[in-house]
Amino acid sequence: MDFAKFASDLSGFVWGLPLIILLFGTHLFLTVRTGFIQRFLPQAIRISFSRQKEGEGDVSQFGALMTALAATIGTGNIIGVAGAITMGGPGAVLWMWLTGVFGIATKYSEAVLAVKYRITMPDGSMAGGPMYALERGLKQKWLGVVFAFFTCIAAFGIGNMTQANSIVEMLIEKMKPESVGQFRWIVGGIMAVLTGAVVLGGVKSIAKVCGFLVPIMAVGYIIGCTLILIKNYAALPQAFADIWNGAWSGQAAVGGFIGATLKQVAQAGIARGLFSNESGLGSAPIVAAAAQTRNPVRQALVSSTATFWDTVVVCLMTGLVIVSSGHWKEGLPKAALTSAAFNDLHTVGPYILLFGLMTFVFSTILGWGYYGEKAAEYLFGTRSVKPYRILWVLAVLFGSVQPAQAVWDFADAANGLMAIPNLICLICLSGVIVAETKAHKNELTGRG
């Protein structure tokens, strides 16, 4: 069995109906348990821009948020949205959006546990995340080991190889090189060198670069999408109708699009929504645990805004650009579909896409490099960090030369396997989340 066949079969098995119900059900459950924590989003956004040191930690709350956003705002926001639409039609966009809205409560809950159960390592750095919550809170170290193991694997999928592969595919589509194989190696080599220059410096180096890069890339991309939507304004009412109707009734075959059942629409949207915002995956709380914060709730509020920006704003705008363009009806593969939608804004559109993809890819590789090394550190100790960083850099090159679909299938499967122990942790420790929220309720209203 080759890698592509194995990845496809594993992804199909993992992302069955049980995991979809568990993931979305956890979002809904935690939304209720936290008293609809989403209503405090304005307060969360306000304090997320604080760069002051408010407690023990390795990086500021802003630095932790930028690192988390760097990891979450990636190809899932561009190629991933297109992938959801090619599999499920426009209705998948609404399922992605709903995953983001309700996922805010899950991202909040993950960060509460991460800060509460974090530890100080022998070198003085902070370490936390679902593996420590499972070990110290749930008293199930074996589940912590399972989570850390799948995190090490998933990091190479969602945070590394898919990112590198997407930028290579987009450049091939745009530049049409004579030797595609040689071109992959050259682009992959350049990305590997740039990645090594940052990740070898550790979390402070990563946070510093992300703090500079993320605001520029996010604002630039949103402005670009707005320009395209202004151009497509006449098609927006129909785009909204297609998204709404397709989300609840499935999508009939049209043009080159083969059609999708309601189950396929929901599965495509939720799976790609998780890939994009990572709520429930358990990745973002790893860097939240490194934040300089005075209590778990304050950092959790900051962390929750990442899901809002990533899915509720950026993914929705990408989805509207693609659906309003009408190119989804042509049956194009995801990379070509994205290019076609942005190329409609002649001259400017292709550069908006290229800028967004290149910056999103690089920042995600940096953020996930930290997640992976902390999981490796949990499993094998601090001696594993440097070898993991080197392996991480090499994986960028490996992902650049692999078939695109195989890499995406592998990433989807690894994400699902990583999410399962984390979701179990969140459900079982939901009482702790509620207790911490009540203990620091003044943070929710700005009176803390």
Protein backbone atom coordinates (compact mmCIF):
# COMPACT_ATOMS: atom_id res chain seq x y z
CA MET A 1 0.00 0.00 0.00
CA ASP A 2 1.47 3.37 -1.00
CA PHE A 3 1.40 6.49 1.18
CA ALA A 4 -1.43 8.14 -0.76
CA LYS A 5 -3.76 5.12 -0.42
CA PHE A 6 -2.95 4.67 3.27
CA ALA A 7 -3.56 8.36 4.03
CA SER A 8 -6.87 8.38 2.15
CA ASP A 9 -8.20 5.24 3.87
CA LEU A 10 -7.13 6.45 7.33
CA SER A 11 -8.71 9.87 6.84
CA GLY A 12 -12.00 8.34 5.73
CA PHE A 13 -12.06 6.03 8.76
CA VAL A 14 -11.14 8.67 11.36
CA TRP A 15 -13.51 11.33 10.05
CA GLY A 16 -16.63 9.25 10.34
CA LEU A 17 -19.90 10.41 11.90
CA PRO A 18 -18.85 9.58 15.50
CA LEU A 19 -15.94 12.07 15.50
CA ILE A 20 -18.00 14.79 13.85
CA ILE A 21 -20.68 14.40 16.52
CA LEU A 22 -18.05 14.36 19.29
CA LEU A 23 -16.34 17.49 18.00
CA PHE A 24 -19.38 19.63 17.27
CA GLY A 25 -21.17 18.25 20.31
CA THR A 26 -18.27 19.33 22.52
CA HIS A 27 -18.45 22.84 21.06
CA LEU A 28 -22.15 23.02 21.94
CA PHE A 29 -21.69 21.41 25.36
CA LEU A 30 -18.94 23.85 26.39
CA THR A 31 -20.88 26.80 25.04
CA VAL A 32 -23.68 25.93 27.47
CA ARG A 33 -21.35 25.01 30.37
CA THR A 34 -19.47 28.32 30.13
CA GLY A 35 -22.68 30.33 29.98
CA PHE A 36 -22.14 31.25 26.32
CA ILE A 37 -18.65 32.64 26.84
CA GLN A 38 -18.81 34.05 23.29
CA ARG A 39 -20.76 37.05 24.64
CA PHE A 40 -17.58 38.33 26.27
CA LEU A 41 -15.73 38.46 22.95
CA PRO A 42 -15.41 42.31 22.95
CA GLN A 43 -13.63 42.17 26.33
CA ALA A 44 -11.45 39.33 25.05
CA ILE A 45 -10.42 41.32 21.98
CA ARG A 46 -9.61 44.36 24.13
CA ILE A 47 -7.23 42.57 26.48
CA SER A 48 -5.68 40.48 23.69
CA PHE A 49 -3.59 43.44 22.58
CA SER A 50 -1.86 43.79 25.95
CA ARG A 51 1.90 43.37 25.75
CA GLN A 52 2.48 43.83 29.49
CA LYS A 53 3.94 41.09 31.64
CA GLU A 54 1.14 40.14 34.02
CA GLY A 55 2.57 37.00 35.59
CA GLU A 56 5.01 34.16 35.11
CA GLY A 57 5.55 32.89 31.59
CA ASP A 58 7.83 32.90 28.57
CA VAL A 59 6.04 35.34 26.26
CA SER A 60 3.43 38.10 26.58
CA GLN A 61 -0.27 37.38 26.15
CA PHE A 62 -0.07 39.18 22.82
CA GLY A 63 2.93 37.08 21.80
CA ALA A 64 1.11 33.87 22.73
CA LEU A 65 -1.95 34.97 20.73
CA MET A 66 0.14 35.89 17.69
CA THR A 67 1.91 32.53 17.82
CA ALA A 68 -1.45 30.75 18.08
CA LEU A 69 -2.85 32.83 15.22
CA ALA A 70 0.26 32.15 13.20
CA ALA A 71 -0.38 28.43 13.59
CA THR A 72 -4.13 28.62 12.88
CA ILE A 73 -4.23 31.17 10.05
CA GLY A 74 -2.73 29.04 7.33
CA THR A 75 -3.67 27.15 4.19
CA GLY A 76 -6.89 26.08 5.92
CA ASN A 77 -8.10 29.66 5.47
CA ILE A 78 -7.41 29.62 1.73
CA ILE A 79 -6.87 26.18 0.21
CA GLY A 80 -8.81 24.48 3.03
CA VAL A 81 -11.91 26.58 2.38
CA ALA A 82 -11.68 25.75 -1.32
CA GLY A 83 -11.26 22.08 -0.40
CA ALA A 84 -14.41 22.17 1.72
CA ILE A 85 -16.36 23.71 -1.15
CA THR A 86 -15.08 21.20 -3.73
CA MET A 87 -16.16 18.33 -1.45
CA GLY A 88 -19.42 19.72 -0.06
CA GLY A 89 -20.42 22.72 -2.11
CA PRO A 90 -21.09 26.26 -0.80
CA GLY A 91 -23.00 24.95 2.23
CA ALA A 92 -19.75 23.71 3.72
CA VAL A 93 -18.81 27.36 4.32
CA LEU A 94 -21.65 27.76 6.84
CA TRP A 95 -20.60 24.58 8.68
CA MET A 96 -17.06 25.93 8.86
CA TRP A 97 -18.41 29.21 10.22
CA LEU A 98 -20.60 27.50 12.82
CA THR A 99 -17.64 25.38 13.89
CA GLY A 100 -15.81 28.64 14.50
CA VAL A 101 -18.62 30.39 16.39
CA PHE A 102 -19.22 27.52 18.81
CA GLY A 103 -15.53 26.61 18.78
CA ILE A 104 -14.76 29.86 20.62
CA ALA A 105 -16.04 28.20 23.82
CA THR A 106 -13.83 25.17 23.22
CA LYS A 107 -10.73 27.28 22.57
CA TYR A 108 -11.47 29.21 25.77
CA SER A 109 -11.85 26.00 27.76
CA GLU A 110 -8.63 24.51 26.39
CA ALA A 111 -6.65 27.55 27.51
CA VAL A 112 -8.18 27.55 31.01
CA LEU A 113 -6.93 24.01 31.57
CA ALA A 114 -3.57 24.71 29.92
CA VAL A 115 -2.71 27.57 32.27
CA LYS A 116 -4.16 25.90 35.36
CA TYR A 117 -2.16 22.70 34.93
CA ARG A 118 1.03 24.09 33.40
CA ILE A 119 4.40 23.35 35.00
CA THR A 120 7.81 25.01 35.15
CA MET A 121 10.55 23.04 33.42
CA PRO A 122 14.09 22.69 34.87
CA ASP A 123 15.35 25.42 32.51
CA GLY A 124 12.68 27.84 33.82
CA SER A 125 10.41 27.68 30.78
CA MET A 126 6.70 26.94 30.99
CA ALA A 127 5.09 23.77 29.64
CA GLY A 128 1.41 22.99 29.40
CA GLY A 129 -1.38 21.80 27.20
CA PRO A 130 -3.80 18.86 27.06
CA MET A 131 -1.10 16.31 27.93
CA TYR A 132 -0.52 18.01 31.28
CA ALA A 133 -4.25 18.50 31.90
CA LEU A 134 -4.83 14.82 31.20
CA GLU A 135 -2.00 13.84 33.53
CA ARG A 136 -2.44 16.32 36.39
CA GLY A 137 -6.16 17.11 36.16
CA LEU A 138 -7.72 13.88 34.95
CA LYS A 139 -4.99 11.67 36.49
CA GLN A 140 -4.69 9.74 33.23
CA LYS A 141 -1.07 10.08 32.14
CA TRP A 142 -1.47 7.39 29.50
CA LEU A 143 -3.98 9.62 27.70
CA GLY A 144 -1.51 12.47 27.96
CA VAL A 145 1.07 10.27 26.26
CA VAL A 146 -1.46 9.35 23.55
CA PHE A 147 -2.25 13.00 22.91
CA ALA A 148 1.42 14.02 22.80
CA PHE A 149 2.22 11.16 20.40
CA PHE A 150 -0.53 12.14 17.99
CA THR A 151 0.47 15.80 18.32
CA CYS A 152 4.00 15.00 17.20
CA ILE A 153 2.56 13.23 14.16
CA ALA A 154 -0.24 15.73 13.44
CA ALA A 155 2.20 18.64 13.57
CA PHE A 156 3.97 17.30 10.52
CA GLY A 157 0.63 17.15 8.68
CA ILE A 158 -1.45 20.21 9.56
CA GLY A 159 1.46 22.43 10.53
CA ASN A 160 4.18 21.48 8.12
CA MET A 161 3.75 19.31 5.04
CA THR A 162 0.31 20.61 3.98
CA GLN A 163 1.55 24.17 4.37
CA ALA A 164 4.70 23.66 2.31
CA ASN A 165 2.82 21.58 -0.26
CA SER A 166 0.13 24.24 -0.74
CA ILE A 167 2.55 27.04 -1.54
CA VAL A 168 4.40 24.81 -4.01
CA GLU A 169 1.15 23.82 -5.74
CA MET A 170 0.07 27.45 -5.97
CA LEU A 171 3.41 28.56 -7.42
CA ILE A 172 3.33 25.71 -9.95
CA GLU A 173 -0.17 26.80 -10.99
CA LYS A 174 0.97 30.39 -11.38
CA MET A 175 4.48 30.01 -12.84
CA LYS A 176 4.07 26.76 -14.81
CA PRO A 177 7.76 25.74 -14.61
CA GLU A 178 9.28 23.47 -17.26
CA SER A 179 10.58 21.01 -14.68
CA VAL A 180 7.92 20.63 -11.95
CA GLY A 181 9.99 18.14 -9.95
CA GLN A 182 13.06 20.37 -9.82
CA PHE A 183 10.89 23.38 -9.02
CA ARG A 184 9.43 21.58 -5.98
CA TRP A 185 12.87 20.90 -4.58
CA ILE A 186 14.04 24.49 -5.07
CA VAL A 187 10.99 26.07 -3.41
CA GLY A 188 11.01 23.48 -0.64
CA GLY A 189 14.69 24.13 0.03
CA ILE A 190 14.17 27.89 0.33
CA MET A 191 11.26 27.42 2.76
CA ALA A 192 13.29 24.95 4.81
CA VAL A 193 16.17 27.43 5.18
CA LEU A 194 13.83 30.26 6.25
CA THR A 195 12.06 27.97 8.71
CA GLY A 196 15.32 26.86 10.29
CA ALA A 197 16.45 30.46 10.74
CA VAL A 198 13.50 31.06 13.10
CA VAL A 199 12.49 27.79 14.79
CA LEU A 200 15.99 26.93 15.93
CA GLY A 201 15.78 30.00 18.20
CA GLY A 202 12.84 28.61 20.22
CA VAL A 203 9.54 30.11 21.35
CA LYS A 204 10.82 33.66 21.96
CA SER A 205 12.21 33.85 18.43
CA ILE A 206 8.98 32.40 17.01
CA ALA A 207 6.78 34.79 19.02
CA LYS A 208 8.87 37.79 17.95
CA VAL A 209 8.59 36.98 14.24
CA CYS A 210 4.89 36.10 14.52
CA GLY A 211 4.12 39.29 16.43
CA PHE A 212 5.46 41.24 13.47
CA LEU A 213 4.14 39.06 10.64
CA VAL A 214 0.62 38.07 11.71
CA PRO A 215 -1.03 41.54 11.94
CA ILE A 216 0.41 42.54 8.56
CA MET A 217 -0.63 39.35 6.78
CA ALA A 218 -4.13 39.21 8.30
CA VAL A 219 -5.03 42.85 7.64
CA GLY A 220 -3.52 42.73 4.15
CA TYR A 221 -5.49 39.62 3.23
CA ILE A 222 -8.78 40.95 4.62
CA ILE A 223 -8.38 44.18 2.64
CA GLY A 224 -7.66 42.17 -0.49
CA CYS A 225 -10.75 39.96 -0.03
CA THR A 226 -12.87 43.07 0.57
CA LEU A 227 -11.77 44.53 -2.77
CA ILE A 228 -12.78 41.32 -4.55
CA LEU A 229 -16.15 41.20 -2.78
CA ILE A 230 -16.81 44.80 -3.81
CA LYS A 231 -16.18 43.75 -7.40
CA ASN A 232 -18.51 40.74 -6.96
CA TYR A 233 -21.20 42.68 -5.07
CA ALA A 234 -23.95 41.78 -7.57
CA ALA A 235 -23.33 38.05 -6.96
CA LEU A 236 -23.24 38.25 -3.15
CA PRO A 237 -27.01 37.76 -2.52
CA GLN A 238 -26.95 34.53 -4.53
CA ALA A 239 -23.71 33.48 -2.80
CA PHE A 240 -25.32 33.85 0.63
CA ALA A 241 -28.36 31.91 -0.59
CA ASP A 242 -26.19 29.08 -1.96
CA ILE A 243 -24.27 28.87 1.31
CA TRP A 244 -27.42 28.83 3.48
CA ASN A 245 -29.49 26.45 1.35
CA GLY A 246 -26.60 24.08 0.70
CA ALA A 247 -25.79 23.81 4.41
CA TRP A 248 -29.18 22.30 5.27
CA SER A 249 -30.23 20.44 2.13
CA GLY A 250 -27.01 19.27 0.54
CA GLN A 251 -25.84 20.40 -2.86
CA ALA A 252 -27.19 19.09 -6.16
CA ALA A 253 -24.85 18.49 -9.08
CA VAL A 254 -24.28 21.62 -11.15
CA GLY A 255 -21.77 22.36 -13.88
CA GLY A 256 -18.64 20.37 -13.12
CA PHE A 257 -19.59 19.95 -9.45
CA ILE A 258 -20.74 16.38 -8.79
CA GLY A 259 -23.10 17.16 -5.90
CA ALA A 260 -23.02 16.30 -2.18
CA THR A 261 -25.38 14.95 0.47
CA LEU A 262 -26.10 16.83 3.69
CA LYS A 263 -23.73 14.48 5.53
CA GLN A 264 -20.94 15.23 3.05
CA VAL A 265 -21.55 18.97 3.32
CA ALA A 266 -21.40 18.91 7.13
CA GLN A 267 -18.41 16.57 7.18
CA ALA A 268 -16.46 18.73 4.73
CA GLY A 269 -17.24 21.95 6.61
CA ILE A 270 -16.56 20.62 10.12
CA ALA A 271 -13.36 18.77 9.15
CA ARG A 272 -11.96 21.80 7.34
CA GLY A 273 -13.24 24.06 10.13
CA LEU A 274 -11.18 22.09 12.63
CA PHE A 275 -8.21 22.19 10.28
CA SER A 276 -8.56 25.96 10.11
CA ASN A 277 -9.31 27.11 13.68
CA GLU A 278 -8.05 24.04 15.59
CA SER A 279 -10.70 24.42 18.32
CA GLY A 280 -10.90 21.04 20.00
CA LEU A 281 -7.64 19.91 18.51
CA GLY A 282 -5.62 20.83 21.60
CA SER A 283 -2.80 22.65 19.85
CA ALA A 284 -3.30 26.32 20.76
CA PRO A 285 -3.34 25.72 24.56
CA ILE A 286 0.26 24.52 24.28
CA VAL A 287 1.42 28.07 23.58
CA ALA A 288 -1.26 29.59 25.86
CA ALA A 289 0.50 27.82 28.72
CA ALA A 290 3.64 29.86 27.97
CA ALA A 291 1.85 33.22 28.33
CA GLN A 292 2.69 35.75 31.02
CA THR A 293 -0.76 35.92 32.60
CA ARG A 294 -2.13 36.41 36.11
CA ASN A 295 -4.84 33.74 35.93
CA PRO A 296 -6.22 31.05 33.59
CA VAL A 297 -9.38 32.94 32.64
CA ARG A 298 -7.58 36.06 31.41
CA GLN A 299 -5.37 34.09 29.04
CA ALA A 300 -8.30 31.92 28.00
CA LEU A 301 -10.20 34.99 26.86
CA VAL A 302 -7.20 36.06 24.80
CA SER A 303 -6.85 32.60 23.28
CA SER A 304 -10.53 32.43 22.34
CA THR A 305 -10.18 35.41 19.99
CA ALA A 306 -7.94 33.35 17.70
CA THR A 307 -10.93 31.25 16.61
CA PHE A 308 -12.98 34.37 15.95
CA TRP A 309 -10.37 35.97 13.71
CA ASP A 310 -9.44 32.74 11.99
CA THR A 311 -12.80 31.25 11.06
CA VAL A 312 -15.56 33.75 11.77
CA VAL A 313 -13.70 36.48 9.84
CA VAL A 314 -10.94 35.17 7.53
CA CYS A 315 -12.50 31.84 6.46
CA LEU A 316 -15.87 33.45 5.85
CA MET A 317 -14.32 36.09 3.60
CA THR A 318 -12.44 33.44 1.61
CA GLY A 319 -15.62 31.41 1.27
CA LEU A 320 -17.59 34.41 0.00
CA VAL A 321 -14.86 35.23 -2.53
CA ILE A 322 -14.91 31.68 -3.91
CA VAL A 323 -18.68 31.15 -3.93
CA SER A 324 -19.47 34.60 -5.37
CA SER A 325 -16.99 33.96 -8.19
CA GLY A 326 -19.08 31.01 -9.43
CA HIS A 327 -15.99 28.98 -10.32
CA TRP A 328 -16.92 26.25 -7.81
CA LYS A 329 -19.47 25.00 -10.37
CA GLU A 330 -16.65 24.15 -12.80
CA GLY A 331 -15.37 21.15 -10.83
CA LEU A 332 -11.89 22.61 -10.40
CA PRO A 333 -9.45 21.12 -7.84
CA LYS A 334 -8.98 23.24 -4.72
CA ALA A 335 -5.74 25.01 -5.70
CA ALA A 336 -7.06 25.86 -9.18
CA LEU A 337 -10.43 26.93 -7.73
CA THR A 338 -8.76 29.37 -5.35
CA SER A 339 -6.60 30.80 -8.15
CA ALA A 340 -9.59 31.21 -10.46
CA ALA A 341 -11.61 33.07 -7.80
CA PHE A 342 -8.83 35.53 -7.01
CA ASN A 343 -7.79 35.94 -10.65
CA ASP A 344 -11.16 37.54 -11.33
CA LEU A 345 -9.72 40.72 -9.83
CA HIS A 346 -7.23 41.20 -12.63
CA THR A 347 -3.68 42.32 -11.80
CA VAL A 348 -4.27 42.68 -8.05
CA GLY A 349 -6.11 39.44 -7.24
CA PRO A 350 -3.29 36.96 -7.95
CA TYR A 351 -0.89 38.97 -5.80
CA ILE A 352 -3.40 39.12 -2.93
CA LEU A 353 -3.62 35.36 -3.04
CA LEU A 354 0.12 34.85 -3.34
CA PHE A 355 0.84 37.25 -0.47
CA GLY A 356 -1.78 35.64 1.75
CA LEU A 357 -0.71 32.10 1.04
CA MET A 358 3.03 32.67 1.42
CA THR A 359 2.72 34.57 4.70
CA PHE A 360 0.03 32.24 6.08
CA VAL A 361 2.13 29.19 5.24
CA PHE A 362 5.34 30.47 6.78
CA SER A 363 3.69 31.65 9.99
CA THR A 364 1.83 28.35 10.43
CA ILE A 365 5.01 26.33 10.02
CA LEU A 366 6.61 28.46 12.76
CA GLY A 367 3.72 28.16 15.21
CA TRP A 368 3.27 24.44 14.78
CA GLY A 369 6.99 23.89 15.13
CA TYR A 370 6.62 24.99 18.74
CA TYR A 371 3.58 22.77 19.35
CA GLY A 372 5.38 19.73 18.03
CA GLU A 373 8.54 20.26 20.01
CA LYS A 374 6.61 20.68 23.29
CA ALA A 375 4.81 17.40 22.63
CA ALA A 376 8.17 15.73 21.92
CA GLU A 377 9.56 17.28 25.09
CA TYR A 378 6.68 15.75 27.09
CA LEU A 379 7.39 12.31 25.64
CA PHE A 380 11.18 12.24 25.54
CA GLY A 381 12.43 15.13 27.68
CA THR A 382 14.31 18.30 26.81
CA ARG A 383 17.03 16.38 24.96
CA SER A 384 14.56 15.75 22.13
CA VAL A 385 13.91 19.43 21.35
CA LYS A 386 16.90 20.16 19.10
CA PRO A 387 16.60 16.93 17.05
CA TYR A 388 12.88 17.63 16.63
CA ARG A 389 13.59 21.13 15.32
CA ILE A 390 16.02 19.72 12.76
CA LEU A 391 13.52 17.07 11.69
CA TRP A 392 10.89 19.80 11.43
CA VAL A 393 12.99 21.76 8.96
CA LEU A 394 13.60 18.66 6.83
CA ALA A 395 9.86 17.87 6.78
CA VAL A 396 9.21 21.20 5.05
CA LEU A 397 11.29 19.94 2.16
CA PHE A 398 9.64 16.50 2.21
CA GLY A 399 6.12 17.95 2.13
CA SER A 400 7.02 20.15 -0.82
CA VAL A 401 7.69 17.19 -3.10
CA GLN A 402 4.73 14.93 -2.14
CA PRO A 403 1.40 14.54 -4.01
CA ALA A 404 -1.01 17.18 -2.72
CA GLN A 405 -4.03 15.01 -1.89
CA ALA A 406 -1.97 12.45 0.01
CA VAL A 407 -0.56 15.17 2.27
CA TRP A 408 -4.02 16.62 2.99
CA ASP A 409 -5.53 13.21 3.77
CA PHE A 410 -2.68 12.45 6.15
CA ALA A 411 -3.20 15.80 7.92
CA ASP A 412 -6.96 15.22 8.30
CA ALA A 413 -6.44 11.77 9.82
CA ALA A 414 -3.76 12.95 12.25
CA ASN A 415 -5.95 15.89 13.35
CA GLY A 416 -8.80 13.58 14.22
CA LEU A 417 -6.61 11.20 16.21
CA MET A 418 -5.13 14.16 18.10
CA ALA A 419 -8.53 15.66 18.88
CA ILE A 420 -10.07 12.58 20.53
CA PRO A 421 -8.09 12.54 23.84
CA ASN A 422 -8.31 16.33 24.04
CA LEU A 423 -12.10 16.32 23.69
CA ILE A 424 -12.35 13.63 26.37
CA CYS A 425 -10.25 15.85 28.64
CA LEU A 426 -12.45 18.90 28.03
CA ILE A 427 -15.68 17.06 28.74
CA CYS A 428 -14.42 15.32 31.88
CA LEU A 429 -12.82 18.50 33.30
CA SER A 430 -15.64 20.86 32.32
CA GLY A 431 -16.42 21.32 36.01
CA VAL A 432 -12.92 22.71 36.57
CA ILE A 433 -13.41 25.10 33.65
CA VAL A 434 -16.67 26.37 35.15
CA ALA A 435 -15.11 26.73 38.61
CA GLU A 436 -12.15 28.74 37.25
CA THR A 437 -14.49 30.95 35.25
CA LYS A 438 -16.55 31.74 38.36
CA ALA A 439 -13.43 32.32 40.47
CA HIS A 440 -12.18 34.97 38.02
CA LYS A 441 -15.50 36.28 36.74
CA ASN A 442 -14.33 39.89 37.03
CA GLU A 443 -12.00 39.28 34.09
CA LEU A 444 -15.08 38.72 31.90
CA THR A 445 -16.45 42.20 32.56
CA GLY A 446 -13.18 44.10 32.73
CA ARG A 447 -13.34 44.67 36.47
CA GLY A 448 -10.45 42.35 37.29
